[in-house]
Amino acid sequence: MRSEELKYDWERLLVKLSQQFPGDGDIDLDGVLLLIGAQELQMGYLRLKKDEKLNVLHIAVCTVLEPYGYYEFEKRDDDGWPHFKSLKPLPNLKAGEQAVLMKEAVVNYFKSNGYL
């Protein structure tokens, strides 16, 4: 994805999410990932502890990177939490490059789900 296209799509996504989920602050990449993880968890509203939020973020990362061949969905456990297996190691990227990869994966996730 070209950087201009990604920047446009990312900003469009943030505006749309901010309108749908108004709050006190600006939504960022971690906030979007929490939304994705919560959506994929399919458990409705939950009050989560810090370690559970990290697990929800992990679900989101695995979900958005699955089409890139990094993860594969395995199963849902008895509590309904999805589990993924790692197929290949993530590339060694600088922080900015990681953010670009994640934003691209997030935008593609929302596009593939008909949100964008």
N, C-alpha and C. Protein backbone atom coordinates (compact mmCIF):
# COMPACT_ATOMS: atom_id res chain seq x y z
N MET A 1 0.86 -1.17 0.00
CA MET A 1 0.00 0.00 0.00
C MET A 1 0.90 1.24 0.00
N ARG A 2 0.58 2.19 -0.85
CA ARG A 2 1.37 3.43 -0.90
C ARG A 2 1.17 4.23 0.38
N SER A 3 2.19 4.96 0.77
CA SER A 3 2.12 5.68 2.04
C SER A 3 1.04 6.76 2.04
N GLU A 4 0.81 7.42 0.90
CA GLU A 4 -0.24 8.45 0.85
C GLU A 4 -1.61 7.80 1.02
N GLU A 5 -1.80 6.67 0.38
CA GLU A 5 -3.07 5.94 0.47
C GLU A 5 -3.28 5.44 1.90
N LEU A 6 -2.23 4.90 2.50
CA LEU A 6 -2.33 4.40 3.87
C LEU A 6 -2.66 5.55 4.82
N LYS A 7 -1.99 6.68 4.66
CA LYS A 7 -2.24 7.83 5.54
C LYS A 7 -3.69 8.29 5.41
N TYR A 8 -4.19 8.37 4.19
CA TYR A 8 -5.58 8.77 3.95
C TYR A 8 -6.55 7.77 4.58
N ASP A 9 -6.33 6.48 4.32
CA ASP A 9 -7.22 5.45 4.86
C ASP A 9 -7.17 5.41 6.38
N TRP A 10 -5.98 5.59 6.96
CA TRP A 10 -5.84 5.56 8.42
C TRP A 10 -6.62 6.72 9.04
N GLU A 11 -6.44 7.91 8.49
CA GLU A 11 -7.15 9.08 9.03
C GLU A 11 -8.66 8.92 8.88
N ARG A 12 -9.10 8.41 7.74
CA ARG A 12 -10.53 8.16 7.51
C ARG A 12 -11.07 7.16 8.54
N LEU A 13 -10.29 6.11 8.82
CA LEU A 13 -10.69 5.12 9.82
C LEU A 13 -10.81 5.76 11.20
N LEU A 14 -9.82 6.57 11.59
CA LEU A 14 -9.86 7.20 12.91
C LEU A 14 -11.05 8.12 13.06
N VAL A 15 -11.37 8.87 12.00
CA VAL A 15 -12.53 9.76 12.05
C VAL A 15 -13.80 8.94 12.23
N LYS A 16 -13.93 7.89 11.45
CA LYS A 16 -15.13 7.05 11.52
C LYS A 16 -15.28 6.40 12.90
N LEU A 17 -14.18 5.86 13.42
CA LEU A 17 -14.23 5.24 14.75
C LEU A 17 -14.51 6.26 15.83
N SER A 18 -13.93 7.45 15.72
CA SER A 18 -14.15 8.50 16.72
C SER A 18 -15.60 8.93 16.75
N GLN A 19 -16.25 8.92 15.57
CA GLN A 19 -17.67 9.27 15.52
C GLN A 19 -18.52 8.16 16.12
N GLN A 20 -18.13 6.93 15.88
CA GLN A 20 -18.90 5.79 16.39
C GLN A 20 -18.66 5.57 17.88
N PHE A 21 -17.45 5.85 18.33
CA PHE A 21 -17.08 5.64 19.73
C PHE A 21 -16.53 6.94 20.32
N PRO A 22 -17.39 7.94 20.53
CA PRO A 22 -16.88 9.21 21.06
C PRO A 22 -16.34 9.03 22.48
N GLY A 23 -15.29 9.72 22.76
CA GLY A 23 -14.67 9.62 24.09
C GLY A 23 -13.96 10.91 24.42
N ASP A 24 -13.16 10.85 25.46
CA ASP A 24 -12.47 12.04 25.93
C ASP A 24 -11.20 12.35 25.16
N GLY A 25 -10.58 11.34 24.59
CA GLY A 25 -9.29 11.55 23.92
C GLY A 25 -9.30 11.05 22.50
N ASP A 26 -8.18 11.26 21.84
CA ASP A 26 -8.02 10.78 20.48
C ASP A 26 -7.77 9.28 20.50
N ILE A 27 -8.31 8.60 19.52
CA ILE A 27 -8.08 7.17 19.40
C ILE A 27 -6.73 6.96 18.70
N ASP A 28 -5.98 5.98 19.17
CA ASP A 28 -4.67 5.70 18.58
C ASP A 28 -4.62 4.23 18.15
N LEU A 29 -3.46 3.81 17.70
CA LEU A 29 -3.30 2.44 17.20
C LEU A 29 -3.67 1.42 18.26
N ASP A 30 -3.21 1.60 19.50
CA ASP A 30 -3.55 0.65 20.56
C ASP A 30 -5.05 0.61 20.82
N GLY A 31 -5.69 1.76 20.76
CA GLY A 31 -7.14 1.81 20.96
C GLY A 31 -7.88 1.07 19.86
N VAL A 32 -7.41 1.24 18.63
CA VAL A 32 -8.03 0.53 17.50
C VAL A 32 -7.81 -0.97 17.65
N LEU A 33 -6.62 -1.35 18.07
CA LEU A 33 -6.34 -2.78 18.28
C LEU A 33 -7.21 -3.36 19.39
N LEU A 34 -7.45 -2.60 20.44
CA LEU A 34 -8.35 -3.08 21.50
C LEU A 34 -9.77 -3.29 20.96
N LEU A 35 -10.22 -2.39 20.10
CA LEU A 35 -11.53 -2.56 19.48
C LEU A 35 -11.59 -3.83 18.63
N ILE A 36 -10.54 -4.06 17.85
CA ILE A 36 -10.48 -5.26 17.01
C ILE A 36 -10.47 -6.51 17.89
N GLY A 37 -9.63 -6.51 18.92
CA GLY A 37 -9.55 -7.66 19.81
C GLY A 37 -10.88 -7.94 20.49
N ALA A 38 -11.55 -6.88 20.93
CA ALA A 38 -12.86 -7.05 21.57
C ALA A 38 -13.88 -7.61 20.58
N GLN A 39 -13.83 -7.12 19.34
CA GLN A 39 -14.72 -7.62 18.30
C GLN A 39 -14.47 -9.10 18.05
N GLU A 40 -13.22 -9.47 17.95
CA GLU A 40 -12.86 -10.87 17.66
C GLU A 40 -13.15 -11.77 18.85
N LEU A 41 -13.12 -11.22 20.04
CA LEU A 41 -13.41 -12.00 21.24
C LEU A 41 -14.89 -12.40 21.31
N GLN A 42 -15.74 -11.57 20.74
CA GLN A 42 -17.18 -11.85 20.63
C GLN A 42 -17.84 -12.14 21.97
N MET A 43 -17.51 -11.36 22.98
CA MET A 43 -18.09 -11.58 24.30
C MET A 43 -18.87 -10.37 24.80
N GLY A 44 -19.09 -9.37 23.94
CA GLY A 44 -19.81 -8.18 24.37
C GLY A 44 -18.97 -7.33 25.30
N TYR A 45 -19.64 -6.52 26.09
CA TYR A 45 -18.94 -5.61 27.00
C TYR A 45 -18.34 -6.39 28.16
N LEU A 46 -17.06 -6.19 28.37
CA LEU A 46 -16.36 -6.80 29.50
C LEU A 46 -15.49 -5.76 30.19
N ARG A 47 -15.42 -5.82 31.49
CA ARG A 47 -14.47 -5.00 32.22
C ARG A 47 -13.21 -5.86 32.35
N LEU A 48 -12.12 -5.39 31.75
CA LEU A 48 -10.92 -6.20 31.68
C LEU A 48 -9.83 -5.70 32.61
N LYS A 49 -9.09 -6.63 33.17
CA LYS A 49 -7.90 -6.31 33.94
C LYS A 49 -6.76 -6.05 32.97
N LYS A 50 -5.67 -5.51 33.49
CA LYS A 50 -4.55 -5.14 32.63
C LYS A 50 -4.03 -6.33 31.81
N ASP A 51 -3.85 -7.48 32.45
CA ASP A 51 -3.32 -8.64 31.72
C ASP A 51 -4.31 -9.14 30.69
N GLU A 52 -5.61 -8.99 30.96
CA GLU A 52 -6.62 -9.38 29.98
C GLU A 52 -6.61 -8.43 28.78
N LYS A 53 -6.36 -7.15 29.02
CA LYS A 53 -6.24 -6.19 27.92
C LYS A 53 -5.07 -6.56 27.02
N LEU A 54 -3.98 -7.00 27.63
CA LEU A 54 -2.83 -7.43 26.83
C LEU A 54 -3.19 -8.64 25.98
N ASN A 55 -3.98 -9.54 26.53
CA ASN A 55 -4.44 -10.70 25.76
C ASN A 55 -5.35 -10.29 24.62
N VAL A 56 -6.21 -9.30 24.86
CA VAL A 56 -7.09 -8.79 23.81
C VAL A 56 -6.26 -8.13 22.71
N LEU A 57 -5.23 -7.38 23.09
CA LEU A 57 -4.33 -6.79 22.10
C LEU A 57 -3.64 -7.88 21.28
N HIS A 58 -3.25 -8.95 21.94
CA HIS A 58 -2.60 -10.07 21.25
C HIS A 58 -3.55 -10.69 20.23
N ILE A 59 -4.81 -10.85 20.61
CA ILE A 59 -5.81 -11.38 19.68
C ILE A 59 -5.90 -10.49 18.45
N ALA A 60 -5.92 -9.19 18.68
CA ALA A 60 -6.02 -8.24 17.56
C ALA A 60 -4.80 -8.32 16.65
N VAL A 61 -3.62 -8.35 17.24
CA VAL A 61 -2.39 -8.42 16.44
C VAL A 61 -2.38 -9.70 15.61
N CYS A 62 -2.71 -10.81 16.23
CA CYS A 62 -2.75 -12.08 15.49
C CYS A 62 -3.78 -12.03 14.37
N THR A 63 -4.93 -11.44 14.65
CA THR A 63 -6.01 -11.37 13.66
C THR A 63 -5.61 -10.53 12.46
N VAL A 64 -5.05 -9.35 12.71
CA VAL A 64 -4.73 -8.46 11.58
C VAL A 64 -3.51 -8.93 10.81
N LEU A 65 -2.63 -9.69 11.47
CA LEU A 65 -1.43 -10.18 10.77
C LEU A 65 -1.62 -11.57 10.18
N GLU A 66 -2.75 -12.20 10.45
CA GLU A 66 -3.03 -13.52 9.89
C GLU A 66 -2.99 -13.52 8.35
N PRO A 67 -3.60 -12.53 7.67
CA PRO A 67 -3.54 -12.53 6.20
C PRO A 67 -2.12 -12.37 5.64
N TYR A 68 -1.20 -11.90 6.46
CA TYR A 68 0.19 -11.72 6.04
C TYR A 68 1.01 -12.99 6.24
N GLY A 69 0.36 -14.03 6.79
CA GLY A 69 1.02 -15.31 6.96
C GLY A 69 1.83 -15.46 8.24
N TYR A 70 1.66 -14.55 9.19
CA TYR A 70 2.42 -14.64 10.43
C TYR A 70 1.73 -15.53 11.46
N TYR A 71 0.41 -15.56 11.44
CA TYR A 71 -0.35 -16.34 12.41
C TYR A 71 -1.45 -17.12 11.71
N GLU A 72 -1.92 -18.16 12.40
CA GLU A 72 -3.05 -18.93 11.91
C GLU A 72 -3.96 -19.22 13.09
N PHE A 73 -5.26 -18.98 12.88
CA PHE A 73 -6.23 -19.28 13.93
C PHE A 73 -6.24 -20.78 14.18
N GLU A 74 -6.19 -21.18 15.46
CA GLU A 74 -6.24 -22.59 15.82
C GLU A 74 -7.60 -23.00 16.32
N LYS A 75 -8.07 -22.32 17.39
CA LYS A 75 -9.31 -22.74 18.04
C LYS A 75 -9.75 -21.69 19.04
N ARG A 76 -10.92 -21.90 19.57
CA ARG A 76 -11.38 -21.14 20.73
C ARG A 76 -11.34 -22.09 21.92
N ASP A 77 -10.86 -21.58 23.05
CA ASP A 77 -10.80 -22.44 24.24
C ASP A 77 -12.19 -22.52 24.88
N ASP A 78 -12.27 -23.22 25.99
CA ASP A 78 -13.56 -23.44 26.66
C ASP A 78 -14.19 -22.15 27.16
N ASP A 79 -13.37 -21.11 27.35
CA ASP A 79 -13.89 -19.81 27.79
C ASP A 79 -14.21 -18.89 26.61
N GLY A 80 -13.99 -19.37 25.38
CA GLY A 80 -14.32 -18.58 24.19
C GLY A 80 -13.19 -17.72 23.67
N TRP A 81 -12.02 -17.82 24.27
CA TRP A 81 -10.89 -17.01 23.81
C TRP A 81 -10.23 -17.67 22.60
N PRO A 82 -10.00 -16.90 21.53
CA PRO A 82 -9.34 -17.46 20.35
C PRO A 82 -7.85 -17.68 20.60
N HIS A 83 -7.32 -18.71 19.97
CA HIS A 83 -5.89 -19.01 20.06
C HIS A 83 -5.33 -19.13 18.65
N PHE A 84 -4.12 -18.64 18.49
CA PHE A 84 -3.44 -18.64 17.21
C PHE A 84 -2.11 -19.33 17.35
N LYS A 85 -1.62 -19.86 16.24
CA LYS A 85 -0.25 -20.39 16.26
C LYS A 85 0.59 -19.51 15.34
N SER A 86 1.81 -19.34 15.74
CA SER A 86 2.75 -18.55 14.96
C SER A 86 3.27 -19.39 13.80
N LEU A 87 3.22 -18.84 12.60
CA LEU A 87 3.69 -19.57 11.42
C LEU A 87 5.10 -19.18 11.01
N LYS A 88 5.43 -17.92 11.23
CA LYS A 88 6.77 -17.44 10.92
C LYS A 88 7.06 -16.24 11.81
N PRO A 89 8.34 -16.00 12.07
CA PRO A 89 8.68 -14.89 12.97
C PRO A 89 8.35 -13.55 12.31
N LEU A 90 7.97 -12.61 13.15
CA LEU A 90 7.74 -11.25 12.67
C LEU A 90 9.07 -10.65 12.22
N PRO A 91 9.04 -9.79 11.22
CA PRO A 91 10.30 -9.20 10.75
C PRO A 91 10.87 -8.24 11.79
N ASN A 92 12.18 -8.09 11.77
CA ASN A 92 12.84 -7.12 12.65
C ASN A 92 12.68 -5.75 12.01
N LEU A 93 11.80 -4.96 12.58
CA LEU A 93 11.50 -3.64 12.04
C LEU A 93 11.77 -2.58 13.10
N LYS A 94 12.10 -1.39 12.64
CA LYS A 94 12.22 -0.25 13.54
C LYS A 94 10.81 0.14 13.98
N ALA A 95 10.72 0.92 15.05
CA ALA A 95 9.42 1.28 15.63
C ALA A 95 8.50 1.90 14.59
N GLY A 96 8.99 2.82 13.79
CA GLY A 96 8.17 3.46 12.77
C GLY A 96 7.70 2.48 11.72
N GLU A 97 8.56 1.55 11.35
CA GLU A 97 8.20 0.53 10.37
C GLU A 97 7.14 -0.42 10.93
N GLN A 98 7.26 -0.73 12.22
CA GLN A 98 6.25 -1.57 12.88
C GLN A 98 4.89 -0.89 12.85
N ALA A 99 4.88 0.41 13.13
CA ALA A 99 3.62 1.16 13.14
C ALA A 99 2.99 1.17 11.75
N VAL A 100 3.81 1.31 10.72
CA VAL A 100 3.29 1.30 9.35
C VAL A 100 2.69 -0.06 9.02
N LEU A 101 3.40 -1.13 9.36
CA LEU A 101 2.89 -2.48 9.12
C LEU A 101 1.56 -2.69 9.84
N MET A 102 1.49 -2.30 11.10
CA MET A 102 0.26 -2.50 11.88
C MET A 102 -0.88 -1.65 11.34
N LYS A 103 -0.61 -0.41 10.99
CA LYS A 103 -1.66 0.45 10.44
C LYS A 103 -2.18 -0.12 9.13
N GLU A 104 -1.28 -0.59 8.29
CA GLU A 104 -1.69 -1.20 7.02
C GLU A 104 -2.55 -2.44 7.28
N ALA A 105 -2.12 -3.27 8.22
CA ALA A 105 -2.88 -4.49 8.54
C ALA A 105 -4.25 -4.14 9.13
N VAL A 106 -4.31 -3.11 9.96
CA VAL A 106 -5.57 -2.69 10.57
C VAL A 106 -6.52 -2.14 9.49
N VAL A 107 -6.00 -1.29 8.61
CA VAL A 107 -6.81 -0.74 7.52
C VAL A 107 -7.35 -1.88 6.66
N ASN A 108 -6.49 -2.84 6.32
CA ASN A 108 -6.93 -3.98 5.51
C ASN A 108 -7.99 -4.80 6.24
N TYR A 109 -7.86 -4.94 7.56
CA TYR A 109 -8.86 -5.65 8.36
C TYR A 109 -10.23 -4.97 8.22
N PHE A 110 -10.24 -3.65 8.41
CA PHE A 110 -11.52 -2.94 8.33
C PHE A 110 -12.08 -2.93 6.92
N LYS A 111 -11.22 -2.86 5.92
CA LYS A 111 -11.69 -2.93 4.53
C LYS A 111 -12.29 -4.31 4.25
N SER A 112 -11.62 -5.36 4.68
CA SER A 112 -12.10 -6.72 4.40
C SER A 112 -13.40 -7.03 5.14
N ASN A 113 -13.67 -6.27 6.21
CA ASN A 113 -14.91 -6.45 6.96
C ASN A 113 -15.98 -5.44 6.55
N GLY A 114 -15.74 -4.69 5.48
CA GLY A 114 -16.72 -3.77 4.94
C GLY A 114 -16.94 -2.50 5.73
N TYR A 115 -16.03 -2.18 6.63
CA TYR A 115 -16.16 -0.98 7.45
C TYR A 115 -15.62 0.24 6.73
N LEU A 116 -14.62 0.06 5.92
CA LEU A 116 -14.03 1.17 5.14
C LEU A 116 -14.30 0.96 3.67
